[in-house]
Amino acid sequence: MQDLQDARWRKSSFSADQGECVEVASNLPGLVAVRDSKNPSGPALVASPGGWSAFLRGLARGELSA
């Protein structure tokens, strides 16, 4: 389990307080964490910075569409 105590969480400015957002913490050494903004004390997905970048590239290319 990763220690996310020092995480600085941020969410997209496009979220416009809709309440259905994810928050990302990228200030942690060697990892990026993602969580549900409605459940900040719940679980977080943790990835390496390279893995997170690959995920974002896949989203941008439409590779992860349902």
PDB file of N, CA and C in Angstrom:
ATOM      1  N   MET A   1       0.845  -1.182   0.000  1.00  0.00           N
ATOM      2  CA  MET A   1       0.000   0.000   0.000  1.00  0.00           C
ATOM      3  C   MET A   1       0.890   1.245   0.000  1.00  0.00           C
ATOM      4  N   GLN A   2       0.563   2.177  -0.855  1.00  0.00           N
ATOM      5  CA  GLN A   2       1.349   3.400  -0.977  1.00  0.00           C
ATOM      6  C   GLN A   2       0.906   4.425   0.064  1.00  0.00           C
ATOM      7  N   ASP A   3       1.850   5.187   0.577  1.00  0.00           N
ATOM      8  CA  ASP A   3       1.542   6.275   1.494  1.00  0.00           C
ATOM      9  C   ASP A   3       1.218   7.522   0.671  1.00  0.00           C
ATOM     10  N   LEU A   4      -0.030   7.931   0.696  1.00  0.00           N
ATOM     11  CA  LEU A   4      -0.480   9.085  -0.081  1.00  0.00           C
ATOM     12  C   LEU A   4      -0.731  10.300   0.800  1.00  0.00           C
ATOM     13  N   GLN A   5      -0.196  10.262   2.008  1.00  0.00           N
ATOM     14  CA  GLN A   5      -0.405  11.332   2.983  1.00  0.00           C
ATOM     15  C   GLN A   5       0.044  12.700   2.475  1.00  0.00           C
ATOM     16  N   ASP A   6       1.123  12.744   1.705  1.00  0.00           N
ATOM     17  CA  ASP A   6       1.656  14.019   1.216  1.00  0.00           C
ATOM     18  C   ASP A   6       1.149  14.397  -0.178  1.00  0.00           C
ATOM     19  N   ALA A   7       0.187  13.637  -0.663  1.00  0.00           N
ATOM     20  CA  ALA A   7      -0.330  13.905  -2.011  1.00  0.00           C
ATOM     21  C   ALA A   7      -1.034  15.259  -2.061  1.00  0.00           C
ATOM     22  N   ARG A   8      -0.778  15.988  -3.143  1.00  0.00           N
ATOM     23  CA  ARG A   8      -1.502  17.238  -3.422  1.00  0.00           C
ATOM     24  C   ARG A   8      -2.438  16.932  -4.579  1.00  0.00           C
ATOM     25  N   TRP A   9      -3.699  16.784  -4.253  1.00  0.00           N
ATOM     26  CA  TRP A   9      -4.706  16.363  -5.218  1.00  0.00           C
ATOM     27  C   TRP A   9      -5.210  17.559  -6.015  1.00  0.00           C
ATOM     28  N   ARG A  10      -5.455  17.321  -7.313  1.00  0.00           N
ATOM     29  CA  ARG A  10      -6.032  18.365  -8.159  1.00  0.00           C
ATOM     30  C   ARG A  10      -7.025  17.703  -9.099  1.00  0.00           C
ATOM     31  N   LYS A  11      -8.004  18.470  -9.512  1.00  0.00           N
ATOM     32  CA  LYS A  11      -8.931  17.960 -10.515  1.00  0.00           C
ATOM     33  C   LYS A  11      -9.010  18.938 -11.669  1.00  0.00           C
ATOM     34  N   SER A  12      -9.491  18.472 -12.767  1.00  0.00           N
ATOM     35  CA  SER A  12      -9.532  19.261 -13.988  1.00  0.00           C
ATOM     36  C   SER A  12     -10.370  20.516 -13.812  1.00  0.00           C
ATOM     37  N   SER A  13      -9.911  21.590 -14.414  1.00  0.00           N
ATOM     38  CA  SER A  13     -10.706  22.823 -14.410  1.00  0.00           C
ATOM     39  C   SER A  13     -11.957  22.653 -15.250  1.00  0.00           C
ATOM     40  N   PHE A  14     -12.016  21.636 -16.082  1.00  0.00           N
ATOM     41  CA  PHE A  14     -13.194  21.358 -16.900  1.00  0.00           C
ATOM     42  C   PHE A  14     -14.296  20.680 -16.098  1.00  0.00           C
ATOM     43  N   SER A  15     -14.003  20.256 -14.873  1.00  0.00           N
ATOM     44  CA  SER A  15     -15.005  19.530 -14.085  1.00  0.00           C
ATOM     45  C   SER A  15     -16.165  20.414 -13.654  1.00  0.00           C
ATOM     46  N   ALA A  16     -15.939  21.698 -13.488  1.00  0.00           N
ATOM     47  CA  ALA A  16     -16.991  22.676 -13.165  1.00  0.00           C
ATOM     48  C   ALA A  16     -17.874  22.231 -12.006  1.00  0.00           C
ATOM     49  N   ASP A  17     -17.274  21.616 -11.006  1.00  0.00           N
ATOM     50  CA  ASP A  17     -18.005  21.198  -9.801  1.00  0.00           C
ATOM     51  C   ASP A  17     -19.217  20.331 -10.104  1.00  0.00           C
ATOM     52  N   GLN A  18     -19.103  19.443 -11.085  1.00  0.00           N
ATOM     53  CA  GLN A  18     -20.186  18.524 -11.427  1.00  0.00           C
ATOM     54  C   GLN A  18     -20.316  17.390 -10.413  1.00  0.00           C
ATOM     55  N   GLY A  19     -19.291  17.172  -9.604  1.00  0.00           N
ATOM     56  CA  GLY A  19     -19.351  16.122  -8.594  1.00  0.00           C
ATOM     57  C   GLY A  19     -18.986  14.740  -9.106  1.00  0.00           C
ATOM     58  N   GLU A  20     -18.678  14.615 -10.377  1.00  0.00           N
ATOM     59  CA  GLU A  20     -18.308  13.327 -10.948  1.00  0.00           C
ATOM     60  C   GLU A  20     -16.921  13.451 -11.561  1.00  0.00           C
ATOM     61  N   CYS A  21     -15.937  13.551 -10.708  1.00  0.00           N
ATOM     62  CA  CYS A  21     -14.587  13.858 -11.170  1.00  0.00           C
ATOM     63  C   CYS A  21     -13.577  12.894 -10.565  1.00  0.00           C
ATOM     64  N   VAL A  22     -12.442  12.837 -11.197  1.00  0.00           N
ATOM     65  CA  VAL A  22     -11.295  12.176 -10.604  1.00  0.00           C
ATOM     66  C   VAL A  22     -10.296  13.249 -10.229  1.00  0.00           C
ATOM     67  N   GLU A  23      -9.498  12.944  -9.243  1.00  0.00           N
ATOM     68  CA  GLU A  23      -8.430  13.838  -8.813  1.00  0.00           C
ATOM     69  C   GLU A  23      -7.111  13.109  -9.029  1.00  0.00           C
ATOM     70  N   VAL A  24      -6.092  13.864  -9.376  1.00  0.00           N
ATOM     71  CA  VAL A  24      -4.777  13.300  -9.658  1.00  0.00           C
ATOM     72  C   VAL A  24      -3.748  13.957  -8.747  1.00  0.00           C
ATOM     73  N   ALA A  25      -2.857  13.148  -8.219  1.00  0.00           N
ATOM     74  CA  ALA A  25      -1.716  13.647  -7.437  1.00  0.00           C
ATOM     75  C   ALA A  25      -0.459  13.193  -8.167  1.00  0.00           C
ATOM     76  N   SER A  26       0.318  14.151  -8.650  1.00  0.00           N
ATOM     77  CA  SER A  26       1.540  13.804  -9.378  1.00  0.00           C
ATOM     78  C   SER A  26       2.790  14.335  -8.687  1.00  0.00           C
ATOM     79  N   ASN A  27       2.644  14.774  -7.458  1.00  0.00           N
ATOM     80  CA  ASN A  27       3.782  15.314  -6.719  1.00  0.00           C
ATOM     81  C   ASN A  27       4.524  14.262  -5.903  1.00  0.00           C
ATOM     82  N   LEU A  28       4.127  13.018  -5.998  1.00  0.00           N
ATOM     83  CA  LEU A  28       4.721  11.965  -5.186  1.00  0.00           C
ATOM     84  C   LEU A  28       5.919  11.348  -5.911  1.00  0.00           C
ATOM     85  N   PRO A  29       6.996  11.061  -5.209  1.00  0.00           N
ATOM     86  CA  PRO A  29       8.194  10.520  -5.863  1.00  0.00           C
ATOM     87  C   PRO A  29       7.927   9.169  -6.535  1.00  0.00           C
ATOM     88  N   GLY A  30       8.088   9.128  -7.850  1.00  0.00           N
ATOM     89  CA  GLY A  30       7.997   7.871  -8.573  1.00  0.00           C
ATOM     90  C   GLY A  30       6.617   7.320  -8.812  1.00  0.00           C
ATOM     91  N   LEU A  31       5.577   8.083  -8.552  1.00  0.00           N
ATOM     92  CA  LEU A  31       4.242   7.572  -8.819  1.00  0.00           C
ATOM     93  C   LEU A  31       3.235   8.693  -9.046  1.00  0.00           C
ATOM     94  N   VAL A  32       2.134   8.296  -9.656  1.00  0.00           N
ATOM     95  CA  VAL A  32       0.985   9.174  -9.877  1.00  0.00           C
ATOM     96  C   VAL A  32      -0.212   8.451  -9.273  1.00  0.00           C
ATOM     97  N   ALA A  33      -1.024   9.166  -8.513  1.00  0.00           N
ATOM     98  CA  ALA A  33      -2.196   8.564  -7.880  1.00  0.00           C
ATOM     99  C   ALA A  33      -3.466   9.224  -8.420  1.00  0.00           C
ATOM    100  N   VAL A  34      -4.522   8.424  -8.542  1.00  0.00           N
ATOM    101  CA  VAL A  34      -5.804   8.897  -9.044  1.00  0.00           C
ATOM    102  C   VAL A  34      -6.882   8.404  -8.093  1.00  0.00           C
ATOM    103  N   ARG A  35      -7.849   9.275  -7.770  1.00  0.00           N
ATOM    104  CA  ARG A  35      -8.937   8.873  -6.878  1.00  0.00           C
ATOM    105  C   ARG A  35     -10.244   9.523  -7.324  1.00  0.00           C
ATOM    106  N   ASP A  36     -11.328   9.023  -6.787  1.00  0.00           N
ATOM    107  CA  ASP A  36     -12.665   9.557  -7.037  1.00  0.00           C
ATOM    108  C   ASP A  36     -12.873  10.760  -6.122  1.00  0.00           C
ATOM    109  N   SER A  37     -13.198  11.908  -6.679  1.00  0.00           N
ATOM    110  CA  SER A  37     -13.341  13.120  -5.860  1.00  0.00           C
ATOM    111  C   SER A  37     -14.518  13.030  -4.894  1.00  0.00           C
ATOM    112  N   LYS A  38     -15.496  12.165  -5.176  1.00  0.00           N
ATOM    113  CA  LYS A  38     -16.632  12.008  -4.257  1.00  0.00           C
ATOM    114  C   LYS A  38     -16.278  11.152  -3.045  1.00  0.00           C
ATOM    115  N   ASN A  39     -15.166  10.429  -3.128  1.00  0.00           N
ATOM    116  CA  ASN A  39     -14.767   9.527  -2.053  1.00  0.00           C
ATOM    117  C   ASN A  39     -13.275   9.701  -1.768  1.00  0.00           C
ATOM    118  N   PRO A  40     -12.874  10.864  -1.265  1.00  0.00           N
ATOM    119  CA  PRO A  40     -11.441  11.131  -1.085  1.00  0.00           C
ATOM    120  C   PRO A  40     -10.742  10.211  -0.093  1.00  0.00           C
ATOM    121  N   SER A  41     -11.463   9.589   0.811  1.00  0.00           N
ATOM    122  CA  SER A  41     -10.824   8.669   1.752  1.00  0.00           C
ATOM    123  C   SER A  41     -10.854   7.232   1.245  1.00  0.00           C
ATOM    124  N   GLY A  42     -11.424   7.025   0.069  1.00  0.00           N
ATOM    125  CA  GLY A  42     -11.494   5.696  -0.520  1.00  0.00           C
ATOM    126  C   GLY A  42     -10.198   5.305  -1.199  1.00  0.00           C
ATOM    127  N   PRO A  43     -10.242   4.225  -1.951  1.00  0.00           N
ATOM    128  CA  PRO A  43      -9.023   3.736  -2.596  1.00  0.00           C
ATOM    129  C   PRO A  43      -8.545   4.663  -3.712  1.00  0.00           C
ATOM    130  N   ALA A  44      -7.275   4.549  -4.010  1.00  0.00           N
ATOM    131  CA  ALA A  44      -6.659   5.315  -5.104  1.00  0.00           C
ATOM    132  C   ALA A  44      -5.950   4.340  -6.034  1.00  0.00           C
ATOM    133  N   LEU A  45      -5.982   4.647  -7.296  1.00  0.00           N
ATOM    134  CA  LEU A  45      -5.230   3.910  -8.295  1.00  0.00           C
ATOM    135  C   LEU A  45      -3.848   4.540  -8.358  1.00  0.00           C
ATOM    136  N   VAL A  46      -2.810   3.724  -8.333  1.00  0.00           N
ATOM    137  CA  VAL A  46      -1.437   4.226  -8.337  1.00  0.00           C
ATOM    138  C   VAL A  46      -0.711   3.667  -9.557  1.00  0.00           C
ATOM    139  N   ALA A  47      -0.005   4.531 -10.264  1.00  0.00           N
ATOM    140  CA  ALA A  47       0.741   4.131 -11.458  1.00  0.00           C
ATOM    141  C   ALA A  47       2.105   4.804 -11.460  1.00  0.00           C
ATOM    142  N   SER A  48       3.001   4.265 -12.252  1.00  0.00           N
ATOM    143  CA  SER A  48       4.289   4.935 -12.456  1.00  0.00           C
ATOM    144  C   SER A  48       4.040   6.143 -13.346  1.00  0.00           C
ATOM    145  N   PRO A  49       4.909   7.144 -13.310  1.00  0.00           N
ATOM    146  CA  PRO A  49       4.728   8.281 -14.218  1.00  0.00           C
ATOM    147  C   PRO A  49       4.690   7.857 -15.687  1.00  0.00           C
ATOM    148  N   GLY A  50       5.511   6.888 -16.070  1.00  0.00           N
ATOM    149  CA  GLY A  50       5.498   6.403 -17.448  1.00  0.00           C
ATOM    150  C   GLY A  50       4.197   5.704 -17.806  1.00  0.00           C
ATOM    151  N   GLY A  51       3.691   4.919 -16.874  1.00  0.00           N
ATOM    152  CA  GLY A  51       2.410   4.244 -17.087  1.00  0.00           C
ATOM    153  C   GLY A  51       1.267   5.238 -17.209  1.00  0.00           C
ATOM    154  N   TRP A  52       1.293   6.273 -16.380  1.00  0.00           N
ATOM    155  CA  TRP A  52       0.260   7.313 -16.433  1.00  0.00           C
ATOM    156  C   TRP A  52       0.328   8.063 -17.767  1.00  0.00           C
ATOM    157  N   SER A  53       1.534   8.378 -18.221  1.00  0.00           N
ATOM    158  CA  SER A  53       1.692   9.060 -19.510  1.00  0.00           C
ATOM    159  C   SER A  53       1.170   8.192 -20.650  1.00  0.00           C
ATOM    160  N   ALA A  54       1.461   6.901 -20.609  1.00  0.00           N
ATOM    161  CA  ALA A  54       0.971   5.991 -21.645  1.00  0.00           C
ATOM    162  C   ALA A  54      -0.554   5.924 -21.631  1.00  0.00           C
ATOM    163  N   PHE A  55      -1.143   5.904 -20.452  1.00  0.00           N
ATOM    164  CA  PHE A  55      -2.595   5.912 -20.321  1.00  0.00           C
ATOM    165  C   PHE A  55      -3.194   7.176 -20.939  1.00  0.00           C
ATOM    166  N   LEU A  56      -2.615   8.330 -20.634  1.00  0.00           N
ATOM    167  CA  LEU A  56      -3.119   9.593 -21.186  1.00  0.00           C
ATOM    168  C   LEU A  56      -2.961   9.643 -22.704  1.00  0.00           C
ATOM    169  N   ARG A  57      -1.839   9.121 -23.219  1.00  0.00           N
ATOM    170  CA  ARG A  57      -1.653   9.069 -24.677  1.00  0.00           C
ATOM    171  C   ARG A  57      -2.709   8.181 -25.321  1.00  0.00           C
ATOM    172  N   GLY A  58      -3.010   7.053 -24.694  1.00  0.00           N
ATOM    173  CA  GLY A  58      -4.042   6.163 -25.211  1.00  0.00           C
ATOM    174  C   GLY A  58      -5.412   6.820 -25.217  1.00  0.00           C
ATOM    175  N   LEU A  59      -5.716   7.570 -24.175  1.00  0.00           N
ATOM    176  CA  LEU A  59      -6.978   8.305 -24.152  1.00  0.00           C
ATOM    177  C   LEU A  59      -7.046   9.325 -25.284  1.00  0.00           C
ATOM    178  N   ALA A  60      -5.969  10.074 -25.460  1.00  0.00           N
ATOM    179  CA  ALA A  60      -5.939  11.116 -26.490  1.00  0.00           C
ATOM    180  C   ALA A  60      -6.091  10.519 -27.891  1.00  0.00           C
ATOM    181  N   ARG A  61      -5.573   9.325 -28.093  1.00  0.00           N
ATOM    182  CA  ARG A  61      -5.652   8.667 -29.404  1.00  0.00           C
ATOM    183  C   ARG A  61      -6.964   7.911 -29.613  1.00  0.00           C
ATOM    184  N   GLY A  62      -7.799   7.842 -28.555  1.00  0.00           N
ATOM    185  CA  GLY A  62      -9.059   7.102 -28.659  1.00  0.00           C
ATOM    186  C   GLY A  62      -8.885   5.609 -28.541  1.00  0.00           C
ATOM    187  N   GLU A  63      -7.747   5.160 -28.076  1.00  0.00           N
ATOM    188  CA  GLU A  63      -7.471   3.719 -27.965  1.00  0.00           C
ATOM    189  C   GLU A  63      -8.244   3.059 -26.834  1.00  0.00           C
ATOM    190  N   LEU A  64      -8.772   3.834 -25.918  1.00  0.00           N
ATOM    191  CA  LEU A  64      -9.428   3.269 -24.741  1.00  0.00           C
ATOM    192  C   LEU A  64     -10.933   3.503 -24.746  1.00  0.00           C
ATOM    193  N   SER A  65     -11.488   3.864 -25.873  1.00  0.00           N
ATOM    194  CA  SER A  65     -12.921   4.102 -25.961  1.00  0.00           C
ATOM    195  C   SER A  65     -13.700   2.815 -25.818  1.00  0.00           C
ATOM    196  N   ALA A  66     -14.869   2.908 -25.228  1.00  0.00           N
ATOM    197  CA  ALA A  66     -15.717   1.723 -25.048  1.00  0.00           C
ATOM    198  C   ALA A  66     -16.418   1.346 -26.328  1.00  0.00           C
TER     199      ALA A  66
END
